[in-house]
Amino acid sequence: MCDDRPDRDYERFDAAALEKLAALFLGKTGICDHEWSADRQVARIFDTEVVKEDGATCLLARAYMLRSEKNAALIAEIEGGIKKEVSVGCSMAKARC
């Protein structure tokens, strides 16, 4: 979901923030295309874990979604590696340089 590497805006999460986010994201809904609508809810996060991977500290999430006709194209894109990134929605109390 996110890690401690700088993103395109040169922002990053430190390891302590990733641990806090791991707890906060449990049970949260995954939506498509930043559309805050019940129709665009496609998955639910059931497990999170902070791991070291390729020199970075990363927050991983496991989610489930229904294998239905409505989700078939999205599942095919995920399984095919086309859809593989997410955008996390959160706000910070403060930012430091």
Protein backbone atom coordinates (compact mmCIF):
# COMPACT_ATOMS: atom_id res chain seq x y z
CA MET A 1 0.00 0.00 0.00
CA CYS A 2 2.77 2.42 0.92
CA ASP A 3 6.37 2.47 2.07
CA ASP A 4 9.20 4.64 3.35
CA ARG A 5 10.51 5.58 -0.11
CA PRO A 6 9.91 9.11 -1.42
CA ASP A 7 6.93 9.33 -3.79
CA ARG A 8 6.49 11.60 -6.82
CA ASP A 9 5.96 14.56 -4.45
CA TYR A 10 9.08 13.59 -2.45
CA GLU A 11 6.89 12.60 0.51
CA ARG A 12 7.29 9.38 2.45
CA PHE A 13 6.08 7.55 5.55
CA ASP A 14 8.52 6.68 8.31
CA ALA A 15 8.48 3.19 9.88
CA ALA A 16 6.49 4.36 12.93
CA ALA A 17 3.78 5.85 10.69
CA LEU A 18 3.56 2.62 8.68
CA GLU A 19 2.98 0.64 11.88
CA LYS A 20 0.15 3.01 12.87
CA LEU A 21 -1.37 2.84 9.38
CA ALA A 22 -1.30 -0.97 9.49
CA ALA A 23 -3.76 -0.90 12.38
CA LEU A 24 -5.88 1.88 10.89
CA PHE A 25 -6.42 0.18 7.51
CA LEU A 26 -7.78 -3.09 8.94
CA GLY A 27 -11.40 -3.49 7.87
CA LYS A 28 -11.32 -0.54 5.46
CA THR A 29 -13.01 -0.65 2.06
CA GLY A 30 -11.20 -0.48 -1.27
CA ILE A 31 -12.81 1.78 -3.86
CA CYS A 32 -12.09 2.45 -7.53
CA ASP A 33 -10.94 5.73 -9.05
CA HIS A 34 -11.32 7.89 -5.92
CA GLU A 35 -15.10 7.78 -6.31
CA TRP A 36 -16.63 7.84 -2.81
CA SER A 37 -19.70 5.83 -3.74
CA ALA A 38 -21.10 2.55 -2.44
CA ASP A 39 -21.25 1.40 -6.09
CA ARG A 40 -17.45 1.64 -6.39
CA GLN A 41 -16.63 -0.38 -3.26
CA VAL A 42 -14.83 -3.48 -4.51
CA ALA A 43 -12.75 -4.96 -1.67
CA ARG A 44 -12.22 -5.05 2.08
CA ILE A 45 -8.85 -5.22 3.85
CA PHE A 46 -8.68 -8.14 6.29
CA ASP A 47 -4.96 -8.20 7.17
CA THR A 48 -2.01 -5.81 7.15
CA GLU A 49 1.69 -6.31 7.77
CA VAL A 50 4.78 -4.09 7.84
CA VAL A 51 7.73 -5.84 6.18
CA LYS A 52 11.24 -5.10 4.92
CA GLU A 53 11.38 -5.61 1.16
CA ASP A 54 14.10 -4.62 -1.32
CA GLY A 55 15.69 -2.20 1.17
CA ALA A 56 12.41 -0.48 2.07
CA THR A 57 9.90 -0.76 4.89
CA CYS A 58 6.52 -1.49 3.30
CA LEU A 59 2.92 -1.72 4.43
CA LEU A 60 1.26 -4.71 2.78
CA ALA A 61 -2.46 -5.37 2.88
CA ARG A 62 -4.51 -8.41 2.06
CA ALA A 63 -8.03 -7.83 0.83
CA TYR A 64 -10.92 -9.89 -0.39
CA MET A 65 -13.45 -9.23 -3.11
CA LEU A 66 -16.32 -11.20 -4.55
CA ARG A 67 -15.70 -13.22 -7.68
CA SER A 68 -18.76 -11.92 -9.48
CA GLU A 69 -19.69 -10.89 -12.98
CA LYS A 70 -19.48 -7.24 -11.88
CA ASN A 71 -15.88 -7.69 -10.64
CA ALA A 72 -14.66 -10.09 -13.35
CA ALA A 73 -12.80 -7.49 -15.44
CA LEU A 74 -11.12 -5.92 -12.39
CA ILE A 75 -10.03 -9.33 -11.07
CA ALA A 76 -8.61 -10.23 -14.50
CA GLU A 77 -6.61 -6.97 -14.55
CA ILE A 78 -5.27 -7.59 -11.04
CA GLU A 79 -4.34 -11.20 -11.80
CA GLY A 80 -2.75 -10.10 -15.08
CA GLY A 81 -0.56 -7.53 -13.31
CA ILE A 82 -2.16 -4.56 -15.04
CA LYS A 83 -3.75 -3.15 -11.89
CA LYS A 84 -1.17 -3.37 -9.12
CA GLU A 85 -0.95 -0.03 -7.34
CA VAL A 86 -3.26 1.65 -4.87
CA SER A 87 -3.69 5.16 -3.59
CA VAL A 88 -4.04 5.38 0.17
CA GLY A 89 -6.40 7.94 1.57
CA CYS A 90 -5.13 9.52 4.77
CA SER A 91 -4.21 12.88 6.24
CA MET A 92 -1.29 13.92 8.38
CA ALA A 93 -1.24 16.06 11.48
CA LYS A 94 2.02 17.67 10.32
CA ALA A 95 4.74 17.32 7.72
CA ARG A 96 8.48 17.59 8.33
CA CYS A 97 11.31 18.30 5.94
